Amino acid sequence: MEGRCTGANLGSEDLQTEAECLQQCKDLQECQWFTYDQIDGVCYLFSDCGDLDTAGDCAGACWSGQKPCGERKGEIYTTYYLVERDYYSTYIVS
């Protein structure tokens, strides 16, 4: 989704891609949402997204997504999450 989450911010980190940002969110139990600012290369992690801010310095430059839920190792899940502005659906949790 285009825009920056405005919910409870858990922190930020400089990263190269939206995929890395999603992985950071998946690695942090409290994280449920992420926003990647592609101009500044900054990943923001959130416990909730709140509203999406699509104006200001983030206009057209930020992409947000939700961490896949219900993961259990070794099982196949179908979900939808945003990575590099494409939606991926089936993955195996390792």
PDB file of N, CA and C in Angstrom:
ATOM      1  N   MET A   1       0.838  -1.159   0.000  1.00  0.00           N
ATOM      2  CA  MET A   1       0.000   0.000   0.000  1.00  0.00           C
ATOM      3  C   MET A   1       0.891   1.232   0.000  1.00  0.00           C
ATOM      4  N   GLU A   2       0.510   2.189  -0.777  1.00  0.00           N
ATOM      5  CA  GLU A   2       1.301   3.411  -0.811  1.00  0.00           C
ATOM      6  C   GLU A   2       0.999   4.254   0.425  1.00  0.00           C
ATOM      7  N   GLY A   3       2.050   4.763   1.046  1.00  0.00           N
ATOM      8  CA  GLY A   3       1.899   5.635   2.205  1.00  0.00           C
ATOM      9  C   GLY A   3       2.691   5.135   3.392  1.00  0.00           C
ATOM     10  N   ARG A   4       2.748   5.971   4.437  1.00  0.00           N
ATOM     11  CA  ARG A   4       3.486   5.651   5.658  1.00  0.00           C
ATOM     12  C   ARG A   4       2.509   5.385   6.794  1.00  0.00           C
ATOM     13  N   CYS A   5       2.719   4.278   7.506  1.00  0.00           N
ATOM     14  CA  CYS A   5       1.905   3.986   8.685  1.00  0.00           C
ATOM     15  C   CYS A   5       2.118   5.089   9.722  1.00  0.00           C
ATOM     16  N   THR A   6       1.087   5.355  10.510  1.00  0.00           N
ATOM     17  CA  THR A   6       1.178   6.395  11.544  1.00  0.00           C
ATOM     18  C   THR A   6       0.942   5.812  12.934  1.00  0.00           C
ATOM     19  N   GLY A   7       0.935   4.489  13.057  1.00  0.00           N
ATOM     20  CA  GLY A   7       0.685   3.829  14.340  1.00  0.00           C
ATOM     21  C   GLY A   7       1.890   3.848  15.257  1.00  0.00           C
ATOM     22  N   ALA A   8       1.893   2.928  16.229  1.00  0.00           N
ATOM     23  CA  ALA A   8       2.949   2.848  17.235  1.00  0.00           C
ATOM     24  C   ALA A   8       4.260   2.381  16.612  1.00  0.00           C
ATOM     25  N   ASN A   9       5.234   3.287  16.526  1.00  0.00           N
ATOM     26  CA  ASN A   9       6.516   3.027  15.884  1.00  0.00           C
ATOM     27  C   ASN A   9       7.427   2.243  16.838  1.00  0.00           C
ATOM     28  N   LEU A  10       7.955   1.124  16.348  1.00  0.00           N
ATOM     29  CA  LEU A  10       8.856   0.287  17.135  1.00  0.00           C
ATOM     30  C   LEU A  10      10.331   0.575  16.858  1.00  0.00           C
ATOM     31  N   GLY A  11      10.595   1.428  15.879  1.00  0.00           N
ATOM     32  CA  GLY A  11      11.978   1.753  15.535  1.00  0.00           C
ATOM     33  C   GLY A  11      12.173   1.816  14.037  1.00  0.00           C
ATOM     34  N   SER A  12      13.382   2.160  13.629  1.00  0.00           N
ATOM     35  CA  SER A  12      13.703   2.258  12.201  1.00  0.00           C
ATOM     36  C   SER A  12      15.135   1.811  11.973  1.00  0.00           C
ATOM     37  N   GLU A  13      15.418   1.492  10.707  1.00  0.00           N
ATOM     38  CA  GLU A  13      16.750   1.017  10.335  1.00  0.00           C
ATOM     39  C   GLU A  13      16.975   1.320   8.866  1.00  0.00           C
ATOM     40  N   ASP A  14      18.216   1.672   8.508  1.00  0.00           N
ATOM     41  CA  ASP A  14      18.572   1.884   7.109  1.00  0.00           C
ATOM     42  C   ASP A  14      18.698   0.527   6.428  1.00  0.00           C
ATOM     43  N   LEU A  15      17.920   0.327   5.358  1.00  0.00           N
ATOM     44  CA  LEU A  15      17.956  -0.928   4.592  1.00  0.00           C
ATOM     45  C   LEU A  15      17.898  -0.615   3.107  1.00  0.00           C
ATOM     46  N   GLN A  16      18.237  -1.602   2.283  1.00  0.00           N
ATOM     47  CA  GLN A  16      18.314  -1.404   0.838  1.00  0.00           C
ATOM     48  C   GLN A  16      16.996  -1.643   0.099  1.00  0.00           C
ATOM     49  N   THR A  17      16.137  -2.538   0.603  1.00  0.00           N
ATOM     50  CA  THR A  17      14.941  -2.914  -0.155  1.00  0.00           C
ATOM     51  C   THR A  17      13.729  -3.095   0.756  1.00  0.00           C
ATOM     52  N   GLU A  18      12.558  -3.098   0.124  1.00  0.00           N
ATOM     53  CA  GLU A  18      11.312  -3.394   0.835  1.00  0.00           C
ATOM     54  C   GLU A  18      11.316  -4.829   1.355  1.00  0.00           C
ATOM     55  N   ALA A  19      11.924  -5.742   0.613  1.00  0.00           N
ATOM     56  CA  ALA A  19      11.990  -7.142   1.044  1.00  0.00           C
ATOM     57  C   ALA A  19      12.781  -7.266   2.345  1.00  0.00           C
ATOM     58  N   GLU A  20      13.876  -6.529   2.472  1.00  0.00           N
ATOM     59  CA  GLU A  20      14.651  -6.533   3.714  1.00  0.00           C
ATOM     60  C   GLU A  20      13.830  -5.946   4.865  1.00  0.00           C
ATOM     61  N   CYS A  21      13.038  -4.938   4.563  1.00  0.00           N
ATOM     62  CA  CYS A  21      12.189  -4.308   5.571  1.00  0.00           C
ATOM     63  C   CYS A  21      11.139  -5.305   6.073  1.00  0.00           C
ATOM     64  N   LEU A  22      10.512  -6.024   5.153  1.00  0.00           N
ATOM     65  CA  LEU A  22       9.551  -7.058   5.544  1.00  0.00           C
ATOM     66  C   LEU A  22      10.224  -8.099   6.434  1.00  0.00           C
ATOM     67  N   GLN A  23      11.437  -8.513   6.078  1.00  0.00           N
ATOM     68  CA  GLN A  23      12.140  -9.521   6.873  1.00  0.00           C
ATOM     69  C   GLN A  23      12.429  -9.004   8.282  1.00  0.00           C
ATOM     70  N   GLN A  24      12.805  -7.732   8.398  1.00  0.00           N
ATOM     71  CA  GLN A  24      13.039  -7.148   9.722  1.00  0.00           C
ATOM     72  C   GLN A  24      11.767  -7.212  10.563  1.00  0.00           C
ATOM     73  N   CYS A  25      10.631  -6.932   9.943  1.00  0.00           N
ATOM     74  CA  CYS A  25       9.355  -7.000  10.652  1.00  0.00           C
ATOM     75  C   CYS A  25       9.049  -8.438  11.068  1.00  0.00           C
ATOM     76  N   LYS A  26       9.292  -9.380  10.176  1.00  0.00           N
ATOM     77  CA  LYS A  26       9.044 -10.788  10.499  1.00  0.00           C
ATOM     78  C   LYS A  26       9.928 -11.269  11.647  1.00  0.00           C
ATOM     79  N   ASP A  27      11.135 -10.705  11.753  1.00  0.00           N
ATOM     80  CA  ASP A  27      12.088 -11.122  12.779  1.00  0.00           C
ATOM     81  C   ASP A  27      11.774 -10.538  14.160  1.00  0.00           C
ATOM     82  N   LEU A  28      10.932  -9.515  14.214  1.00  0.00           N
ATOM     83  CA  LEU A  28      10.593  -8.859  15.478  1.00  0.00           C
ATOM     84  C   LEU A  28       9.164  -9.228  15.862  1.00  0.00           C
ATOM     85  N   GLN A  29       9.003  -9.965  16.928  1.00  0.00           N
ATOM     86  CA  GLN A  29       7.695 -10.480  17.319  1.00  0.00           C
ATOM     87  C   GLN A  29       6.641  -9.383  17.447  1.00  0.00           C
ATOM     88  N   GLU A  30       6.999  -8.238  18.012  1.00  0.00           N
ATOM     89  CA  GLU A  30       6.035  -7.160  18.240  1.00  0.00           C
ATOM     90  C   GLU A  30       5.599  -6.474  16.951  1.00  0.00           C
ATOM     91  N   CYS A  31       6.384  -6.601  15.895  1.00  0.00           N
ATOM     92  CA  CYS A  31       6.101  -5.914  14.635  1.00  0.00           C
ATOM     93  C   CYS A  31       4.943  -6.588  13.897  1.00  0.00           C
ATOM     94  N   GLN A  32       3.987  -5.781  13.461  1.00  0.00           N
ATOM     95  CA  GLN A  32       2.880  -6.265  12.648  1.00  0.00           C
ATOM     96  C   GLN A  32       2.811  -5.563  11.293  1.00  0.00           C
ATOM     97  N   TRP A  33       3.367  -4.359  11.212  1.00  0.00           N
ATOM     98  CA  TRP A  33       3.345  -3.550   9.989  1.00  0.00           C
ATOM     99  C   TRP A  33       4.723  -2.937   9.761  1.00  0.00           C
ATOM    100  N   PHE A  34       5.007  -2.617   8.500  1.00  0.00           N
ATOM    101  CA  PHE A  34       6.255  -1.936   8.170  1.00  0.00           C
ATOM    102  C   PHE A  34       5.987  -0.889   7.105  1.00  0.00           C
ATOM    103  N   THR A  35       6.838   0.115   7.074  1.00  0.00           N
ATOM    104  CA  THR A  35       6.842   1.122   6.010  1.00  0.00           C
ATOM    105  C   THR A  35       8.263   1.245   5.513  1.00  0.00           C
ATOM    106  N   TYR A  36       8.450   1.195   4.193  1.00  0.00           N
ATOM    107  CA  TYR A  36       9.768   1.393   3.603  1.00  0.00           C
ATOM    108  C   TYR A  36       9.772   2.695   2.818  1.00  0.00           C
ATOM    109  N   ASP A  37      10.654   3.605   3.200  1.00  0.00           N
ATOM    110  CA  ASP A  37      10.836   4.879   2.503  1.00  0.00           C
ATOM    111  C   ASP A  37      11.934   4.666   1.477  1.00  0.00           C
ATOM    112  N   GLN A  38      11.551   4.555   0.207  1.00  0.00           N
ATOM    113  CA  GLN A  38      12.520   4.202  -0.823  1.00  0.00           C
ATOM    114  C   GLN A  38      13.473   5.345  -1.173  1.00  0.00           C
ATOM    115  N   ILE A  39      13.126   6.577  -0.881  1.00  0.00           N
ATOM    116  CA  ILE A  39      14.040   7.688  -1.163  1.00  0.00           C
ATOM    117  C   ILE A  39      15.165   7.728  -0.125  1.00  0.00           C
ATOM    118  N   ASP A  40      14.810   7.620   1.146  1.00  0.00           N
ATOM    119  CA  ASP A  40      15.806   7.672   2.214  1.00  0.00           C
ATOM    120  C   ASP A  40      16.385   6.308   2.555  1.00  0.00           C
ATOM    121  N   GLY A  41      15.777   5.217   2.055  1.00  0.00           N
ATOM    122  CA  GLY A  41      16.249   3.871   2.357  1.00  0.00           C
ATOM    123  C   GLY A  41      16.070   3.498   3.819  1.00  0.00           C
ATOM    124  N   VAL A  42      14.954   3.944   4.410  1.00  0.00           N
ATOM    125  CA  VAL A  42      14.700   3.698   5.823  1.00  0.00           C
ATOM    126  C   VAL A  42      13.476   2.794   5.982  1.00  0.00           C
ATOM    127  N   CYS A  43      13.623   1.810   6.850  1.00  0.00           N
ATOM    128  CA  CYS A  43      12.540   0.880   7.180  1.00  0.00           C
ATOM    129  C   CYS A  43      12.000   1.248   8.558  1.00  0.00           C
ATOM    130  N   TYR A  44      10.690   1.458   8.648  1.00  0.00           N
ATOM    131  CA  TYR A  44      10.025   1.758   9.915  1.00  0.00           C
ATOM    132  C   TYR A  44       9.165   0.558  10.298  1.00  0.00           C
ATOM    133  N   LEU A  45       9.235   0.148  11.550  1.00  0.00           N
ATOM    134  CA  LEU A  45       8.474  -0.996  12.040  1.00  0.00           C
ATOM    135  C   LEU A  45       7.405  -0.513  13.009  1.00  0.00           C
ATOM    136  N   PHE A  46       6.207  -1.128  12.932  1.00  0.00           N
ATOM    137  CA  PHE A  46       5.064  -0.686  13.719  1.00  0.00           C
ATOM    138  C   PHE A  46       4.346  -1.872  14.349  1.00  0.00           C
ATOM    139  N   SER A  47       3.786  -1.652  15.532  1.00  0.00           N
ATOM    140  CA  SER A  47       2.932  -2.674  16.138  1.00  0.00           C
ATOM    141  C   SER A  47       1.521  -2.597  15.570  1.00  0.00           C
ATOM    142  N   ASP A  48       1.130  -1.434  15.082  1.00  0.00           N
ATOM    143  CA  ASP A  48      -0.126  -1.264  14.340  1.00  0.00           C
ATOM    144  C   ASP A  48       0.104  -0.157  13.321  1.00  0.00           C
ATOM    145  N   CYS A  49      -0.670  -0.174  12.259  1.00  0.00           N
ATOM    146  CA  CYS A  49      -0.431   0.786  11.181  1.00  0.00           C
ATOM    147  C   CYS A  49      -1.096   2.129  11.447  1.00  0.00           C
ATOM    148  N   GLY A  50      -2.246   2.125  12.108  1.00  0.00           N
ATOM    149  CA  GLY A  50      -2.978   3.378  12.235  1.00  0.00           C
ATOM    150  C   GLY A  50      -3.458   3.816  10.870  1.00  0.00           C
ATOM    151  N   ASP A  51      -3.429   5.096  10.610  1.00  0.00           N
ATOM    152  CA  ASP A  51      -3.800   5.624   9.296  1.00  0.00           C
ATOM    153  C   ASP A  51      -2.584   5.610   8.376  1.00  0.00           C
ATOM    154  N   LEU A  52      -2.840   5.630   7.071  1.00  0.00           N
ATOM    155  CA  LEU A  52      -1.753   5.755   6.099  1.00  0.00           C
ATOM    156  C   LEU A  52      -1.609   7.211   5.699  1.00  0.00           C
ATOM    157  N   ASP A  53      -0.407   7.753   5.869  1.00  0.00           N
ATOM    158  CA  ASP A  53      -0.101   9.116   5.451  1.00  0.00           C
ATOM    159  C   ASP A  53       0.443   9.045   4.031  1.00  0.00           C
ATOM    160  N   THR A  54      -0.285   9.605   3.087  1.00  0.00           N
ATOM    161  CA  THR A  54       0.138   9.568   1.681  1.00  0.00           C
ATOM    162  C   THR A  54       0.579  10.942   1.182  1.00  0.00           C
ATOM    163  N   ALA A  55       0.718  11.894   2.087  1.00  0.00           N
ATOM    164  CA  ALA A  55       1.100  13.255   1.705  1.00  0.00           C
ATOM    165  C   ALA A  55       2.501  13.571   2.218  1.00  0.00           C
ATOM    166  N   GLY A  56       2.914  14.791   2.032  1.00  0.00           N
ATOM    167  CA  GLY A  56       4.188  15.259   2.569  1.00  0.00           C
ATOM    168  C   GLY A  56       5.390  14.587   1.936  1.00  0.00           C
ATOM    169  N   ASP A  57       6.450  14.401   2.736  1.00  0.00           N
ATOM    170  CA  ASP A  57       7.709  13.856   2.216  1.00  0.00           C
ATOM    171  C   ASP A  57       7.592  12.396   1.806  1.00  0.00           C
ATOM    172  N   CYS A  58       6.489  11.768   2.147  1.00  0.00           N
ATOM    173  CA  CYS A  58       6.305  10.354   1.835  1.00  0.00           C
ATOM    174  C   CYS A  58       5.483  10.144   0.551  1.00  0.00           C
ATOM    175  N   ALA A  59       4.969  11.197  -0.017  1.00  0.00           N
ATOM    176  CA  ALA A  59       4.104  11.092  -1.192  1.00  0.00           C
ATOM    177  C   ALA A  59       4.805  10.361  -2.332  1.00  0.00           C
ATOM    178  N   GLY A  60       4.288   9.195  -2.689  1.00  0.00           N
ATOM    179  CA  GLY A  60       4.837   8.405  -3.783  1.00  0.00           C
ATOM    180  C   GLY A  60       6.158   7.712  -3.477  1.00  0.00           C
ATOM    181  N   ALA A  61       6.672   7.867  -2.253  1.00  0.00           N
ATOM    182  CA  ALA A  61       7.987   7.322  -1.937  1.00  0.00           C
ATOM    183  C   ALA A  61       7.946   6.229  -0.873  1.00  0.00           C
ATOM    184  N   CYS A  62       6.815   6.058  -0.195  1.00  0.00           N
ATOM    185  CA  CYS A  62       6.732   5.087   0.894  1.00  0.00           C
ATOM    186  C   CYS A  62       5.731   3.989   0.567  1.00  0.00           C
ATOM    187  N   TRP A  63       6.100   2.780   0.971  1.00  0.00           N
ATOM    188  CA  TRP A  63       5.245   1.621   0.769  1.00  0.00           C
ATOM    189  C   TRP A  63       5.122   0.874   2.082  1.00  0.00           C
ATOM    190  N   SER A  64       3.906   0.499   2.437  1.00  0.00           N
ATOM    191  CA  SER A  64       3.656  -0.172   3.707  1.00  0.00           C
ATOM    192  C   SER A  64       3.013  -1.528   3.475  1.00  0.00           C
ATOM    193  N   GLY A  65       3.208  -2.413   4.421  1.00  0.00           N
ATOM    194  CA  GLY A  65       2.609  -3.735   4.337  1.00  0.00           C
ATOM    195  C   GLY A  65       2.482  -4.358   5.709  1.00  0.00           C
ATOM    196  N   GLN A  66       1.713  -5.423   5.770  1.00  0.00           N
ATOM    197  CA  GLN A  66       1.487  -6.135   7.018  1.00  0.00           C
ATOM    198  C   GLN A  66       2.269  -7.437   7.006  1.00  0.00           C
ATOM    199  N   LYS A  67       2.812  -7.781   8.172  1.00  0.00           N
ATOM    200  CA  LYS A  67       3.535  -9.032   8.310  1.00  0.00           C
ATOM    201  C   LYS A  67       2.560 -10.193   8.156  1.00  0.00           C
ATOM    202  N   PRO A  68       2.939 -11.248   7.440  1.00  0.00           N
ATOM    203  CA  PRO A  68       2.072 -12.428   7.358  1.00  0.00           C
ATOM    204  C   PRO A  68       1.820 -12.987   8.750  1.00  0.00           C
ATOM    205  N   CYS A  69       0.633 -13.481   8.987  1.00  0.00           N
ATOM    206  CA  CYS A  69       0.312 -13.995  10.310  1.00  0.00           C
ATOM    207  C   CYS A  69       0.154 -15.513  10.281  1.00  0.00           C
ATOM    208  N   GLY A  70       0.153 -16.121  11.443  1.00  0.00           N
ATOM    209  CA  GLY A  70      -0.118 -17.546  11.574  1.00  0.00           C
ATOM    210  C   GLY A  70       0.979 -18.465  11.098  1.00  0.00           C
ATOM    211  N   GLU A  71       2.219 -18.030  11.145  1.00  0.00           N
ATOM    212  CA  GLU A  71       3.304 -18.878  10.662  1.00  0.00           C
ATOM    213  C   GLU A  71       3.613 -20.016  11.637  1.00  0.00           C
ATOM    214  N   ARG A  72       3.779 -21.189  11.085  1.00  0.00           N
ATOM    215  CA  ARG A  72       4.296 -22.336  11.827  1.00  0.00           C
ATOM    216  C   ARG A  72       5.300 -23.022  10.924  1.00  0.00           C
ATOM    217  N   LYS A  73       6.432 -23.373  11.448  1.00  0.00           N
ATOM    218  CA  LYS A  73       7.519 -23.920  10.634  1.00  0.00           C
ATOM    219  C   LYS A  73       7.109 -25.197   9.921  1.00  0.00           C
ATOM    220  N   GLY A  74       7.566 -25.317   8.660  1.00  0.00           N
ATOM    221  CA  GLY A  74       7.356 -26.514   7.869  1.00  0.00           C
ATOM    222  C   GLY A  74       6.000 -26.603   7.193  1.00  0.00           C
ATOM    223  N   GLU A  75       5.147 -25.609   7.371  1.00  0.00           N
ATOM    224  CA  GLU A  75       3.827 -25.654   6.756  1.00  0.00           C
ATOM    225  C   GLU A  75       3.735 -24.610   5.654  1.00  0.00           C
ATOM    226  N   ILE A  76       2.841 -24.848   4.728  1.00  0.00           N
ATOM    227  CA  ILE A  76       2.647 -23.922   3.610  1.00  0.00           C
ATOM    228  C   ILE A  76       1.446 -23.046   3.929  1.00  0.00           C
ATOM    229  N   TYR A  77       1.612 -21.752   3.723  1.00  0.00           N
ATOM    230  CA  TYR A  77       0.544 -20.796   3.980  1.00  0.00           C
ATOM    231  C   TYR A  77       0.300 -19.969   2.740  1.00  0.00           C
ATOM    232  N   THR A  78      -0.901 -19.542   2.573  1.00  0.00           N
ATOM    233  CA  THR A  78      -1.215 -18.596   1.518  1.00  0.00           C
ATOM    234  C   THR A  78      -1.642 -17.303   2.185  1.00  0.00           C
ATOM    235  N   THR A  79      -0.961 -16.248   1.828  1.00  0.00           N
ATOM    236  CA  THR A  79      -1.275 -14.929   2.364  1.00  0.00           C
ATOM    237  C   THR A  79      -0.891 -13.910   1.308  1.00  0.00           C
ATOM    238  N   TYR A  80      -1.169 -12.672   1.563  1.00  0.00           N
ATOM    239  CA  TYR A  80      -0.815 -11.627   0.621  1.00  0.00           C
ATOM    240  C   TYR A  80      -0.093 -10.524   1.376  1.00  0.00           C
ATOM    241  N   TYR A  81       1.072 -10.169   0.890  1.00  0.00           N
ATOM    242  CA  TYR A  81       1.817  -9.083   1.503  1.00  0.00           C
ATOM    243  C   TYR A  81       2.611  -8.382   0.416  1.00  0.00           C
ATOM    244  N   LEU A  82       2.916  -7.141   0.668  1.00  0.00           N
ATOM    245  CA  LEU A  82       3.555  -6.295  -0.323  1.00  0.00           C
ATOM    246  C   LEU A  82       5.071  -6.369  -0.209  1.00  0.00           C
ATOM    247  N   VAL A  83       5.706  -6.725  -1.303  1.00  0.00           N
ATOM    248  CA  VAL A  83       7.155  -6.693  -1.388  1.00  0.00           C
ATOM    249  C   VAL A  83       7.505  -6.117  -2.752  1.00  0.00           C
ATOM    250  N   GLU A  84       8.250  -5.044  -2.756  1.00  0.00           N
ATOM    251  CA  GLU A  84       8.662  -4.385  -3.989  1.00  0.00           C
ATOM    252  C   GLU A  84       7.455  -4.089  -4.884  1.00  0.00           C
ATOM    253  N   ARG A  85       6.337  -3.705  -4.245  1.00  0.00           N
ATOM    254  CA  ARG A  85       5.100  -3.328  -4.913  1.00  0.00           C
ATOM    255  C   ARG A  85       4.448  -4.449  -5.710  1.00  0.00           C
ATOM    256  N   ASP A  86       4.840  -5.701  -5.449  1.00  0.00           N
ATOM    257  CA  ASP A  86       4.187  -6.863  -6.035  1.00  0.00           C
ATOM    258  C   ASP A  86       3.617  -7.695  -4.897  1.00  0.00           C
ATOM    259  N   TYR A  87       2.564  -8.406  -5.176  1.00  0.00           N
ATOM    260  CA  TYR A  87       1.976  -9.242  -4.143  1.00  0.00           C
ATOM    261  C   TYR A  87       2.395 -10.688  -4.350  1.00  0.00           C
ATOM    262  N   TYR A  88       2.934 -11.288  -3.298  1.00  0.00           N
ATOM    263  CA  TYR A  88       3.332 -12.682  -3.306  1.00  0.00           C
ATOM    264  C   TYR A  88       2.341 -13.433  -2.452  1.00  0.00           C
ATOM    265  N   SER A  89       2.099 -14.696  -2.770  1.00  0.00           N
ATOM    266  CA  SER A  89       1.028 -15.361  -2.035  1.00  0.00           C
ATOM    267  C   SER A  89       1.414 -16.636  -1.327  1.00  0.00           C
ATOM    268  N   THR A  90       2.148 -17.540  -1.911  1.00  0.00           N
ATOM    269  CA  THR A  90       2.394 -18.830  -1.258  1.00  0.00           C
ATOM    270  C   THR A  90       3.854 -18.934  -0.870  1.00  0.00           C
ATOM    271  N   TYR A  91       4.091 -19.363   0.361  1.00  0.00           N
ATOM    272  CA  TYR A  91       5.455 -19.522   0.811  1.00  0.00           C
ATOM    273  C   TYR A  91       5.519 -20.630   1.852  1.00  0.00           C
ATOM    274  N   ILE A  92       6.712 -21.179   2.032  1.00  0.00           N
ATOM    275  CA  ILE A  92       6.933 -22.217   3.029  1.00  0.00           C
ATOM    276  C   ILE A  92       7.723 -21.595   4.160  1.00  0.00           C
ATOM    277  N   VAL A  93       7.269 -21.760   5.372  1.00  0.00           N
ATOM    278  CA  VAL A  93       7.950 -21.235   6.530  1.00  0.00           C
ATOM    279  C   VAL A  93       9.042 -22.213   6.936  1.00  0.00           C
ATOM    280  N   SER A  94      10.257 -21.728   7.019  1.00  0.00           N
ATOM    281  CA  SER A  94      11.370 -22.608   7.373  1.00  0.00           C
ATOM    282  C   SER A  94      11.928 -22.269   8.746  1.00  0.00           C
TER     283      SER A  94
END
